[in-house]
Amino acid sequence: ITCPGVQLKDKQELYLSVFVLGQYKKTESVPAVFPLFFQERLLFEKAFANIVDPGDLVKLLEFDTAVLELIQLVPPVGKVLATYEENTRDFLFPDPKLTHGRRGLEREILMKRSPSFT
């Protein structure tokens, strides 16, 4: 994660919180120095037992929301610095112009700065 020209006032570590397909996971914490590197994979699995038509699955994914939050471990509960929200279909299957290399392995997203992140 990059944030050119920004130094964090608080020095507590940060992590990325991810909510997709009704499941919540988070990365390991990293030092509070940009750029942030999260060298791990988060696996989300979900079975859609009653779906037989791929079009129905697409509709379900369009109504579901994927949420990513960059959180700093500032006591007592942590401080959200930035968020990203998008329907799960577009998050999992972005337009080709948003990907580099192999589909979905690398891409850029723009997170929205939280009011508490000055």
Protein backbone atom coordinates (compact mmCIF):
# COMPACT_ATOMS: atom_id res chain seq x y z
CA ILE A 1 0.00 0.00 0.00
CA THR A 2 1.42 3.34 -0.98
CA CYS A 3 0.63 6.81 0.30
CA PRO A 4 3.26 9.11 -1.28
CA GLY A 5 4.62 11.84 0.95
CA VAL A 6 2.83 10.64 4.08
CA GLN A 7 4.44 9.76 7.39
CA LEU A 8 2.23 8.34 10.11
CA LYS A 9 2.13 10.29 13.38
CA ASP A 10 1.31 7.15 15.37
CA LYS A 11 3.98 4.46 15.14
CA GLN A 12 1.80 1.45 16.00
CA GLU A 13 1.64 -1.31 13.38
CA LEU A 14 -1.06 -1.64 10.73
CA TYR A 15 -3.04 -4.48 9.20
CA LEU A 16 -5.52 -4.94 6.40
CA SER A 17 -9.02 -6.13 7.33
CA VAL A 18 -10.96 -7.90 4.55
CA PHE A 19 -14.66 -8.81 4.52
CA VAL A 20 -15.75 -10.87 1.49
CA LEU A 21 -18.56 -13.41 0.98
CA GLY A 22 -19.72 -12.97 4.57
CA GLN A 23 -16.28 -13.87 5.93
CA TYR A 24 -13.83 -11.66 7.81
CA LYS A 25 -10.06 -12.11 7.76
CA LYS A 26 -7.10 -9.90 8.50
CA THR A 27 -3.45 -9.80 7.58
CA GLU A 28 -0.52 -9.93 9.95
CA SER A 29 0.55 -6.52 11.25
CA VAL A 30 3.31 -4.57 9.50
CA PRO A 31 5.43 -1.58 10.61
CA ALA A 32 3.88 1.89 10.21
CA VAL A 33 6.12 3.00 7.33
CA PHE A 34 4.90 3.49 3.75
CA PRO A 35 4.95 1.64 1.46
CA LEU A 36 3.28 -1.18 3.39
CA PHE A 37 3.95 -4.74 2.21
CA PHE A 38 1.57 -7.56 3.11
CA GLN A 39 3.29 -10.77 2.05
CA GLU A 40 0.47 -13.24 2.58
CA ARG A 41 -2.62 -14.72 1.00
CA LEU A 42 -6.10 -14.72 2.47
CA LEU A 43 -8.35 -17.58 1.34
CA PHE A 44 -12.12 -17.14 1.16
CA GLU A 45 -14.29 -20.09 0.20
CA LYS A 46 -18.04 -20.28 -0.13
CA ALA A 47 -20.38 -22.90 -1.60
CA PHE A 48 -23.56 -21.70 -3.28
CA ALA A 49 -25.65 -24.85 -2.92
CA ASN A 50 -28.88 -23.61 -4.53
CA ILE A 51 -27.31 -21.88 -7.54
CA VAL A 52 -27.37 -23.72 -10.86
CA ASP A 53 -27.39 -20.80 -13.31
CA PRO A 54 -24.15 -18.76 -13.48
CA GLY A 55 -26.27 -15.64 -14.08
CA ASP A 56 -27.87 -16.13 -10.67
CA LEU A 57 -24.43 -16.31 -9.07
CA VAL A 58 -23.44 -13.09 -10.82
CA LYS A 59 -26.53 -11.37 -9.40
CA LEU A 60 -25.74 -12.64 -5.89
CA LEU A 61 -22.18 -11.34 -6.12
CA GLU A 62 -23.42 -7.96 -7.36
CA PHE A 63 -25.60 -7.59 -4.24
CA ASP A 64 -22.80 -8.64 -1.87
CA THR A 65 -20.24 -6.04 -0.75
CA ALA A 66 -16.50 -6.53 -0.34
CA VAL A 67 -14.92 -4.24 2.27
CA LEU A 68 -11.21 -3.62 2.89
CA GLU A 69 -9.97 -1.45 5.75
CA LEU A 70 -6.48 -0.30 6.61
CA ILE A 71 -6.34 -0.28 10.41
CA GLN A 72 -3.66 1.00 12.74
CA LEU A 73 -3.34 -0.67 16.14
CA VAL A 74 -3.94 2.50 18.14
CA PRO A 75 -5.46 1.57 21.53
CA PRO A 76 -8.07 0.81 22.63
CA VAL A 77 -9.66 -0.71 19.47
CA GLY A 78 -7.61 0.45 16.51
CA LYS A 79 -8.06 3.34 14.09
CA VAL A 80 -9.39 2.93 10.54
CA LEU A 81 -7.15 4.97 8.23
CA ALA A 82 -8.71 4.07 4.86
CA THR A 83 -11.50 1.95 3.40
CA TYR A 84 -12.48 0.40 0.09
CA GLU A 85 -15.97 -0.89 -0.74
CA GLU A 86 -17.19 -2.48 -3.94
CA ASN A 87 -19.69 -5.10 -4.98
CA THR A 88 -18.10 -8.53 -4.68
CA ARG A 89 -18.47 -9.35 -8.38
CA ASP A 90 -16.41 -6.34 -9.48
CA PHE A 91 -13.91 -6.90 -6.67
CA LEU A 92 -13.31 -10.56 -7.59
CA PHE A 93 -13.49 -10.06 -11.35
CA PRO A 94 -12.19 -6.55 -12.15
CA ASP A 95 -12.15 -5.03 -15.60
CA PRO A 96 -9.05 -6.10 -17.57
CA LYS A 97 -7.73 -2.52 -17.58
CA LEU A 98 -7.33 -2.68 -13.78
CA THR A 99 -5.10 -5.76 -13.75
CA HIS A 100 -1.45 -6.26 -14.56
CA GLY A 101 0.08 -9.58 -15.46
CA ARG A 102 -1.98 -12.64 -14.59
CA ARG A 103 -5.63 -11.83 -14.01
CA GLY A 104 -6.43 -10.79 -10.45
CA LEU A 105 -2.99 -11.36 -8.91
CA GLU A 106 -1.91 -7.73 -9.10
CA ARG A 107 -4.11 -4.70 -9.34
CA GLU A 108 -4.52 -1.21 -8.07
CA ILE A 109 -7.43 0.05 -6.01
CA LEU A 110 -7.97 3.47 -4.51
CA MET A 111 -8.93 3.43 -0.86
CA LYS A 112 -10.95 6.29 0.62
CA ARG A 113 -9.19 8.16 3.41
CA SER A 114 -10.93 8.08 6.76
CA PRO A 115 -11.73 11.47 8.38
CA SER A 116 -9.47 10.44 11.30
CA PHE A 117 -6.48 10.02 8.92
CA THR A 118 -5.11 13.52 8.48
